[in-house]
């Protein structure tokens, strides 16, 4: 079973592009755009291994979502993208997170 990454972002087209750009990685991607979707994904998918959050969301919303995620799934790492790289920076950021965190964890799980 592929590990799951929850992508949280404001712009659906950015999320779709990220998933398309990163389909070479052995990851199942889920998306969420708001608090309700984040909660639904966390409750529906126990195999989520980490969260990658885009910078298009307001800081107060990002802070609230960090709290929601941490309260429901304290086992998850939460990675917040910088604003300086813009929407085009989401895929490279998500790739770095997955390659450094998720793929390493997956190798450890198999061993």
Protein backbone atom coordinates (compact mmCIF):
# COMPACT_ATOMS: atom_id res chain seq x y z
CA UNK A 1 0.00 0.00 0.00
CA UNK A 2 1.35 3.41 -0.96
CA UNK A 3 1.82 5.97 1.79
CA UNK A 4 -0.59 8.88 1.61
CA UNK A 5 0.24 12.59 1.60
CA UNK A 6 -2.46 15.15 2.32
CA UNK A 7 -1.98 18.29 0.20
CA UNK A 8 -3.77 21.35 1.51
CA UNK A 9 -4.11 24.40 -0.67
CA UNK A 10 -6.41 27.19 -1.74
CA UNK A 11 -6.19 26.73 -5.52
CA UNK A 12 -7.61 23.47 -6.95
CA UNK A 13 -5.67 23.82 -10.21
CA UNK A 14 -2.37 24.10 -8.34
CA UNK A 15 -3.21 20.95 -6.39
CA UNK A 16 -4.09 19.07 -9.59
CA UNK A 17 -0.84 20.21 -11.23
CA UNK A 18 1.20 19.12 -8.21
CA UNK A 19 -0.33 15.66 -8.26
CA UNK A 20 0.25 15.36 -12.00
CA UNK A 21 3.86 16.57 -11.73
CA UNK A 22 4.63 14.14 -8.92
CA UNK A 23 2.92 11.02 -10.24
CA UNK A 24 6.35 9.38 -10.61
CA UNK A 25 6.60 9.13 -6.80
CA UNK A 26 5.19 6.03 -5.05
CA UNK A 27 2.68 8.14 -3.12
CA UNK A 28 -1.10 8.35 -3.03
CA UNK A 29 -2.11 12.03 -2.95
CA UNK A 30 -5.20 13.44 -1.28
CA UNK A 31 -6.28 17.05 -1.51
CA UNK A 32 -8.15 19.43 0.76
CA UNK A 33 -9.03 23.10 0.43
CA UNK A 34 -10.63 24.00 3.74
CA UNK A 35 -11.15 22.90 7.34
CA UNK A 36 -14.08 20.59 6.59
CA UNK A 37 -12.17 18.78 3.83
CA UNK A 38 -9.08 18.43 6.03
CA UNK A 39 -11.14 16.86 8.81
CA UNK A 40 -12.95 14.57 6.37
CA UNK A 41 -9.67 13.35 4.85
CA UNK A 42 -8.07 12.78 8.26
CA UNK A 43 -11.06 10.76 9.42
CA UNK A 44 -11.46 8.77 6.20
CA UNK A 45 -7.82 7.87 5.50
CA UNK A 46 -5.78 6.30 8.31
CA UNK A 47 -2.74 5.83 6.06
CA UNK A 48 -1.96 9.57 5.79
CA UNK A 49 1.71 9.85 6.69
CA UNK A 50 2.30 13.61 6.42
CA UNK A 51 0.71 16.90 5.42
CA UNK A 52 1.98 19.48 2.94
CA UNK A 53 0.27 22.86 3.16
CA UNK A 54 0.49 25.54 0.49
CA UNK A 55 1.12 29.21 1.10
CA UNK A 56 -2.00 30.51 -0.63
CA UNK A 57 -4.01 30.21 2.56
CA UNK A 58 -4.13 33.08 5.03
CA UNK A 59 -1.84 32.65 8.04
CA UNK A 60 -4.76 32.50 10.46
CA UNK A 61 -6.29 29.66 8.44
CA UNK A 62 -2.96 27.84 8.21
CA UNK A 63 -2.54 28.17 11.97
CA UNK A 64 -6.04 26.86 12.59
CA UNK A 65 -5.45 23.91 10.27
CA UNK A 66 -2.18 23.05 12.02
CA UNK A 67 -4.14 22.93 15.28
CA UNK A 68 -6.91 20.80 13.77
CA UNK A 69 -4.42 18.33 12.30
CA UNK A 70 -2.29 18.14 15.45
CA UNK A 71 -5.34 17.56 17.64
CA UNK A 72 -6.67 14.72 15.48
CA UNK A 73 -3.41 13.17 14.27
CA UNK A 74 -0.44 14.13 16.48
CA UNK A 75 1.61 11.48 14.67
CA UNK A 76 1.70 13.50 11.42
CA UNK A 77 4.41 15.88 10.37
CA UNK A 78 3.07 19.11 8.89
CA UNK A 79 5.11 20.96 6.28
CA UNK A 80 4.29 24.59 5.42
CA UNK A 81 5.43 25.95 2.07
CA UNK A 82 6.99 29.42 1.86
CA UNK A 83 5.23 32.22 0.00
CA UNK A 84 8.28 33.47 -1.91
CA UNK A 85 8.32 30.57 -4.40
CA UNK A 86 4.70 31.16 -5.45
CA UNK A 87 2.29 28.52 -6.75
CA UNK A 88 4.99 27.09 -9.05
CA UNK A 89 7.03 26.20 -5.97
CA UNK A 90 4.43 23.81 -4.55
CA UNK A 91 5.43 20.74 -6.58
CA UNK A 92 9.18 21.07 -5.88
CA UNK A 93 8.42 21.65 -2.19
CA UNK A 94 6.14 18.60 -2.00
CA UNK A 95 8.77 16.52 -3.82
CA UNK A 96 11.47 17.53 -1.32
CA UNK A 97 9.19 16.65 1.60
CA UNK A 98 8.28 13.28 0.14
CA UNK A 99 11.81 12.37 -0.89
CA UNK A 100 13.32 13.33 2.46
CA UNK A 101 10.52 12.17 4.76
CA UNK A 102 8.10 9.74 3.18
CA UNK A 103 10.34 7.60 1.02
CA UNK A 104 12.79 7.24 3.89
CA UNK A 105 9.94 6.15 6.20
CA UNK A 106 8.66 3.73 3.57
CA UNK A 107 12.06 2.03 3.34
CA UNK A 108 12.13 1.71 7.13
CA UNK A 109 8.64 0.19 7.16
CA UNK A 110 9.69 -2.48 4.67
CA UNK A 111 12.91 -3.40 6.48
